[in-house]
């Protein structure tokens, strides 16, 4: 599989799942008579980022994977979204950015040496970055957003998390 296949389609799928979870969360809040925007400040523990920041971090992780594996610059976001609609727009914008990539854009990613700000002068090869940091970091924030919503009673199950699969029909 290519670096594209290992990243872009799945990142996009999970961000779309996240957006769908926000729709379920909105319906949940409205059915129970509270403002869905309250969920944005929810967190699992006091020292953890709230839901809004988990969503922003999910989008950032996805866009940085695409940018770094293609040796390009990621779009900047000011992280000032304060409503569910603004966060949905951020997710949609990130998905549109990801959909602008093709497999050809990530060819050669295996040879890239990345110098990332948080490595304090060190570097990492792109395959190690993807496998050891970028994908786990992305899934950490997506999963935490999911857990915050579940913790607040939003009815999301495993299928909502996993989403669709490319299933081939049985032979014959």
C-alpha atoms as a PDB file:
ATOM      1  CA  UNK A   1       0.000   0.000   0.000  1.00  0.00           C
ATOM      2  CA  UNK A   2       1.032   3.555  -0.605  1.00  0.00           C
ATOM      3  CA  UNK A   3       1.448   6.296   1.977  1.00  0.00           C
ATOM      4  CA  UNK A   4      -1.669   7.857   0.491  1.00  0.00           C
ATOM      5  CA  UNK A   5      -3.686   4.666   0.986  1.00  0.00           C
ATOM      6  CA  UNK A   6      -2.442   4.351   4.565  1.00  0.00           C
ATOM      7  CA  UNK A   7      -3.478   7.853   5.509  1.00  0.00           C
ATOM      8  CA  UNK A   8      -5.653  10.198   3.455  1.00  0.00           C
ATOM      9  CA  UNK A   9      -8.803   8.076   2.897  1.00  0.00           C
ATOM     10  CA  UNK A  10      -8.943   6.923   6.526  1.00  0.00           C
ATOM     11  CA  UNK A  11      -8.254  10.392   7.939  1.00  0.00           C
ATOM     12  CA  UNK A  12     -11.063  11.797   5.804  1.00  0.00           C
ATOM     13  CA  UNK A  13     -13.432   8.996   6.788  1.00  0.00           C
ATOM     14  CA  UNK A  14     -12.801   9.474  10.503  1.00  0.00           C
ATOM     15  CA  UNK A  15     -13.246  13.242  10.278  1.00  0.00           C
ATOM     16  CA  UNK A  16     -16.566  12.693   8.505  1.00  0.00           C
ATOM     17  CA  UNK A  17     -17.526  10.251  11.268  1.00  0.00           C
ATOM     18  CA  UNK A  18     -16.635  12.946  13.810  1.00  0.00           C
ATOM     19  CA  UNK A  19     -18.890  15.430  12.040  1.00  0.00           C
ATOM     20  CA  UNK A  20     -21.720  12.878  12.072  1.00  0.00           C
ATOM     21  CA  UNK A  21     -21.194  12.379  15.825  1.00  0.00           C
ATOM     22  CA  UNK A  22     -21.745  16.108  16.297  1.00  0.00           C
ATOM     23  CA  UNK A  23     -25.077  15.770  14.505  1.00  0.00           C
ATOM     24  CA  UNK A  24     -26.066  12.939  16.858  1.00  0.00           C
ATOM     25  CA  UNK A  25     -24.889  15.012  19.839  1.00  0.00           C
ATOM     26  CA  UNK A  26     -26.986  17.968  18.691  1.00  0.00           C
ATOM     27  CA  UNK A  27     -30.086  15.783  18.402  1.00  0.00           C
ATOM     28  CA  UNK A  28     -29.319  14.272  21.815  1.00  0.00           C
ATOM     29  CA  UNK A  29     -29.092  17.684  23.475  1.00  0.00           C
ATOM     30  CA  UNK A  30     -32.199  19.023  21.785  1.00  0.00           C
ATOM     31  CA  UNK A  31     -34.202  15.916  22.751  1.00  0.00           C
ATOM     32  CA  UNK A  32     -33.206  16.464  26.367  1.00  0.00           C
ATOM     33  CA  UNK A  33     -33.841  20.187  26.323  1.00  0.00           C
ATOM     34  CA  UNK A  34     -30.345  21.611  26.674  1.00  0.00           C
ATOM     35  CA  UNK A  35     -28.176  23.743  24.431  1.00  0.00           C
ATOM     36  CA  UNK A  36     -25.864  21.450  22.413  1.00  0.00           C
ATOM     37  CA  UNK A  37     -23.116  24.095  22.539  1.00  0.00           C
ATOM     38  CA  UNK A  38     -22.619  23.162  26.210  1.00  0.00           C
ATOM     39  CA  UNK A  39     -20.974  19.943  25.027  1.00  0.00           C
ATOM     40  CA  UNK A  40     -18.059  21.891  23.528  1.00  0.00           C
ATOM     41  CA  UNK A  41     -16.639  22.646  26.975  1.00  0.00           C
ATOM     42  CA  UNK A  42     -17.061  19.060  28.188  1.00  0.00           C
ATOM     43  CA  UNK A  43     -14.009  16.993  29.048  1.00  0.00           C
ATOM     44  CA  UNK A  44     -13.361  13.645  30.693  1.00  0.00           C
ATOM     45  CA  UNK A  45     -10.971  14.967  33.346  1.00  0.00           C
ATOM     46  CA  UNK A  46     -10.083  18.492  34.494  1.00  0.00           C
ATOM     47  CA  UNK A  47      -6.580  18.539  32.974  1.00  0.00           C
ATOM     48  CA  UNK A  48      -7.725  17.414  29.520  1.00  0.00           C
ATOM     49  CA  UNK A  49      -8.667  19.539  26.529  1.00  0.00           C
ATOM     50  CA  UNK A  50     -12.414  20.066  26.056  1.00  0.00           C
ATOM     51  CA  UNK A  51     -14.358  18.642  23.134  1.00  0.00           C
ATOM     52  CA  UNK A  52     -13.868  21.757  21.008  1.00  0.00           C
ATOM     53  CA  UNK A  53     -10.074  21.521  21.259  1.00  0.00           C
ATOM     54  CA  UNK A  54     -10.136  17.742  20.631  1.00  0.00           C
ATOM     55  CA  UNK A  55     -11.924  18.448  17.342  1.00  0.00           C
ATOM     56  CA  UNK A  56      -9.440  21.157  16.387  1.00  0.00           C
ATOM     57  CA  UNK A  57      -6.535  18.841  17.252  1.00  0.00           C
ATOM     58  CA  UNK A  58      -8.064  16.033  15.161  1.00  0.00           C
ATOM     59  CA  UNK A  59      -8.225  18.357  12.170  1.00  0.00           C
ATOM     60  CA  UNK A  60      -4.697  19.629  12.787  1.00  0.00           C
ATOM     61  CA  UNK A  61      -3.285  16.118  13.071  1.00  0.00           C
ATOM     62  CA  UNK A  62      -4.919  15.117   9.780  1.00  0.00           C
ATOM     63  CA  UNK A  63      -3.791  18.168   7.828  1.00  0.00           C
ATOM     64  CA  UNK A  64      -0.226  17.906   9.153  1.00  0.00           C
ATOM     65  CA  UNK A  65      -0.007  14.269   8.073  1.00  0.00           C
ATOM     66  CA  UNK A  66      -0.987  15.201   4.516  1.00  0.00           C
ATOM     67  CA  UNK A  67       1.274  18.249   4.409  1.00  0.00           C
ATOM     68  CA  UNK A  68       4.312  16.565   5.880  1.00  0.00           C
ATOM     69  CA  UNK A  69       4.048  13.422   3.758  1.00  0.00           C
ATOM     70  CA  UNK A  70       3.721  15.572   0.636  1.00  0.00           C
ATOM     71  CA  UNK A  71       6.467  17.993   1.719  1.00  0.00           C
ATOM     72  CA  UNK A  72       4.097  20.954   1.540  1.00  0.00           C
ATOM     73  CA  UNK A  73       2.725  23.478   4.028  1.00  0.00           C
ATOM     74  CA  UNK A  74      -0.555  22.891   5.811  1.00  0.00           C
ATOM     75  CA  UNK A  75      -3.228  25.578   5.896  1.00  0.00           C
ATOM     76  CA  UNK A  76      -3.337  27.621   9.080  1.00  0.00           C
ATOM     77  CA  UNK A  77      -6.325  27.670  11.399  1.00  0.00           C
ATOM     78  CA  UNK A  78      -6.565  30.165  14.262  1.00  0.00           C
ATOM     79  CA  UNK A  79      -8.315  27.664  16.589  1.00  0.00           C
ATOM     80  CA  UNK A  80     -11.025  30.201  17.376  1.00  0.00           C
ATOM     81  CA  UNK A  81     -14.079  28.078  16.615  1.00  0.00           C
ATOM     82  CA  UNK A  82     -16.594  28.434  19.409  1.00  0.00           C
ATOM     83  CA  UNK A  83     -19.745  26.826  18.015  1.00  0.00           C
ATOM     84  CA  UNK A  84     -20.712  23.441  16.665  1.00  0.00           C
ATOM     85  CA  UNK A  85     -21.346  24.953  13.237  1.00  0.00           C
ATOM     86  CA  UNK A  86     -17.875  26.513  13.195  1.00  0.00           C
ATOM     87  CA  UNK A  87     -16.331  23.179  14.168  1.00  0.00           C
ATOM     88  CA  UNK A  88     -18.321  21.358  11.493  1.00  0.00           C
ATOM     89  CA  UNK A  89     -16.984  23.905   8.995  1.00  0.00           C
ATOM     90  CA  UNK A  90     -13.437  23.264  10.249  1.00  0.00           C
ATOM     91  CA  UNK A  91     -13.917  19.532   9.740  1.00  0.00           C
ATOM     92  CA  UNK A  92     -15.373  20.114   6.244  1.00  0.00           C
ATOM     93  CA  UNK A  93     -12.484  22.425   5.353  1.00  0.00           C
ATOM     94  CA  UNK A  94      -9.952  19.843   6.525  1.00  0.00           C
ATOM     95  CA  UNK A  95     -11.677  17.091   4.544  1.00  0.00           C
ATOM     96  CA  UNK A  96     -11.663  19.295   1.424  1.00  0.00           C
ATOM     97  CA  UNK A  97      -7.941  19.907   1.937  1.00  0.00           C
ATOM     98  CA  UNK A  98      -7.267  16.172   2.296  1.00  0.00           C
ATOM     99  CA  UNK A  99      -9.322  15.396  -0.804  1.00  0.00           C
ATOM    100  CA  UNK A 100      -7.010  17.664  -2.779  1.00  0.00           C
ATOM    101  CA  UNK A 101      -4.240  15.074  -2.468  1.00  0.00           C
ATOM    102  CA  UNK A 102      -3.594  12.148  -4.754  1.00  0.00           C
ATOM    103  CA  UNK A 103      -1.370   9.127  -4.366  1.00  0.00           C
ATOM    104  CA  UNK A 104       1.174  10.861  -6.614  1.00  0.00           C
ATOM    105  CA  UNK A 105       1.421  13.742  -4.121  1.00  0.00           C
ATOM    106  CA  UNK A 106       2.729  11.377  -1.440  1.00  0.00           C
ATOM    107  CA  UNK A 107       5.136   9.419  -3.648  1.00  0.00           C
ATOM    108  CA  UNK A 108       8.596   9.620  -2.167  1.00  0.00           C
ATOM    109  CA  UNK A 109       7.287  10.154   1.363  1.00  0.00           C
ATOM    110  CA  UNK A 110       9.311   7.185   2.537  1.00  0.00           C
ATOM    111  CA  UNK A 111      12.515   9.118   1.896  1.00  0.00           C
ATOM    112  CA  UNK A 112      11.506  12.336   3.653  1.00  0.00           C
ATOM    113  CA  UNK A 113      13.373  13.402   6.770  1.00  0.00           C
ATOM    114  CA  UNK A 114      11.133  15.616   8.881  1.00  0.00           C
ATOM    115  CA  UNK A 115      12.389  18.337  11.182  1.00  0.00           C
ATOM    116  CA  UNK A 116       9.454  19.088  13.453  1.00  0.00           C
ATOM    117  CA  UNK A 117       9.359  21.942  15.969  1.00  0.00           C
ATOM    118  CA  UNK A 118       8.657  19.673  18.924  1.00  0.00           C
ATOM    119  CA  UNK A 119      11.725  17.504  18.164  1.00  0.00           C
ATOM    120  CA  UNK A 120      14.033  20.291  19.393  1.00  0.00           C
ATOM    121  CA  UNK A 121      16.480  20.057  16.502  1.00  0.00           C
ATOM    122  CA  UNK A 122      16.062  16.330  15.984  1.00  0.00           C
ATOM    123  CA  UNK A 123      14.486  14.695  12.980  1.00  0.00           C
ATOM    124  CA  UNK A 124      12.398  11.668  12.092  1.00  0.00           C
ATOM    125  CA  UNK A 125      11.915   9.797   8.853  1.00  0.00           C
ATOM    126  CA  UNK A 126       8.407  10.162   7.426  1.00  0.00           C
ATOM    127  CA  UNK A 127       7.476   6.457   7.774  1.00  0.00           C
ATOM    128  CA  UNK A 128       8.390   6.541  11.475  1.00  0.00           C
ATOM    129  CA  UNK A 129       6.539   9.843  11.918  1.00  0.00           C
ATOM    130  CA  UNK A 130       3.387   8.376  10.381  1.00  0.00           C
ATOM    131  CA  UNK A 131       3.494   5.074  12.250  1.00  0.00           C
ATOM    132  CA  UNK A 132       4.876   6.115  15.639  1.00  0.00           C
ATOM    133  CA  UNK A 133       3.403   9.582  16.143  1.00  0.00           C
ATOM    134  CA  UNK A 134       1.039  11.027  13.551  1.00  0.00           C
ATOM    135  CA  UNK A 135      -1.582   8.287  13.287  1.00  0.00           C
ATOM    136  CA  UNK A 136      -1.615   7.521  17.041  1.00  0.00           C
ATOM    137  CA  UNK A 137      -1.929  11.258  17.745  1.00  0.00           C
ATOM    138  CA  UNK A 138      -4.820  11.621  15.276  1.00  0.00           C
ATOM    139  CA  UNK A 139      -6.676   8.642  16.731  1.00  0.00           C
ATOM    140  CA  UNK A 140      -6.036   9.845  20.281  1.00  0.00           C
ATOM    141  CA  UNK A 141      -7.905  13.098  19.637  1.00  0.00           C
ATOM    142  CA  UNK A 142     -10.691  11.524  17.568  1.00  0.00           C
ATOM    143  CA  UNK A 143     -11.221   8.811  20.178  1.00  0.00           C
ATOM    144  CA  UNK A 144     -11.180  11.318  23.018  1.00  0.00           C
ATOM    145  CA  UNK A 145     -13.830  13.403  21.240  1.00  0.00           C
ATOM    146  CA  UNK A 146     -15.909  10.231  20.861  1.00  0.00           C
ATOM    147  CA  UNK A 147     -15.412   9.375  24.549  1.00  0.00           C
ATOM    148  CA  UNK A 148     -16.425  12.862  25.686  1.00  0.00           C
ATOM    149  CA  UNK A 149     -19.647  12.596  23.716  1.00  0.00           C
ATOM    150  CA  UNK A 150     -20.364   9.095  25.075  1.00  0.00           C
ATOM    151  CA  UNK A 151     -19.577  10.299  28.602  1.00  0.00           C
ATOM    152  CA  UNK A 152     -22.268  12.937  28.113  1.00  0.00           C
ATOM    153  CA  UNK A 153     -24.844  10.325  27.157  1.00  0.00           C
ATOM    154  CA  UNK A 154     -24.717  10.703  23.389  1.00  0.00           C
ATOM    155  CA  UNK A 155     -25.845   7.425  21.890  1.00  0.00           C
ATOM    156  CA  UNK A 156     -22.902   6.439  19.714  1.00  0.00           C
ATOM    157  CA  UNK A 157     -21.874   2.850  19.229  1.00  0.00           C
ATOM    158  CA  UNK A 158     -18.916   1.054  17.771  1.00  0.00           C
ATOM    159  CA  UNK A 159     -20.382   1.201  14.256  1.00  0.00           C
ATOM    160  CA  UNK A 160     -20.637   5.001  14.500  1.00  0.00           C
ATOM    161  CA  UNK A 161     -16.954   5.090  15.428  1.00  0.00           C
ATOM    162  CA  UNK A 162     -15.735   2.673  12.751  1.00  0.00           C
ATOM    163  CA  UNK A 163     -18.039   3.896   9.992  1.00  0.00           C
ATOM    164  CA  UNK A 164     -18.334   2.311   6.596  1.00  0.00           C
ATOM    165  CA  UNK A 165     -16.168  -0.446   5.171  1.00  0.00           C
ATOM    166  CA  UNK A 166     -15.440  -1.467   1.592  1.00  0.00           C
ATOM    167  CA  UNK A 167     -17.144  -4.853   1.756  1.00  0.00           C
ATOM    168  CA  UNK A 168     -17.129  -7.167  -1.233  1.00  0.00           C
ATOM    169  CA  UNK A 169     -20.229  -9.281  -1.728  1.00  0.00           C
ATOM    170  CA  UNK A 170     -19.866 -13.061  -1.324  1.00  0.00           C
ATOM    171  CA  UNK A 171     -18.889 -14.881  -4.524  1.00  0.00           C
ATOM    172  CA  UNK A 172     -21.658 -16.272  -6.643  1.00  0.00           C
END
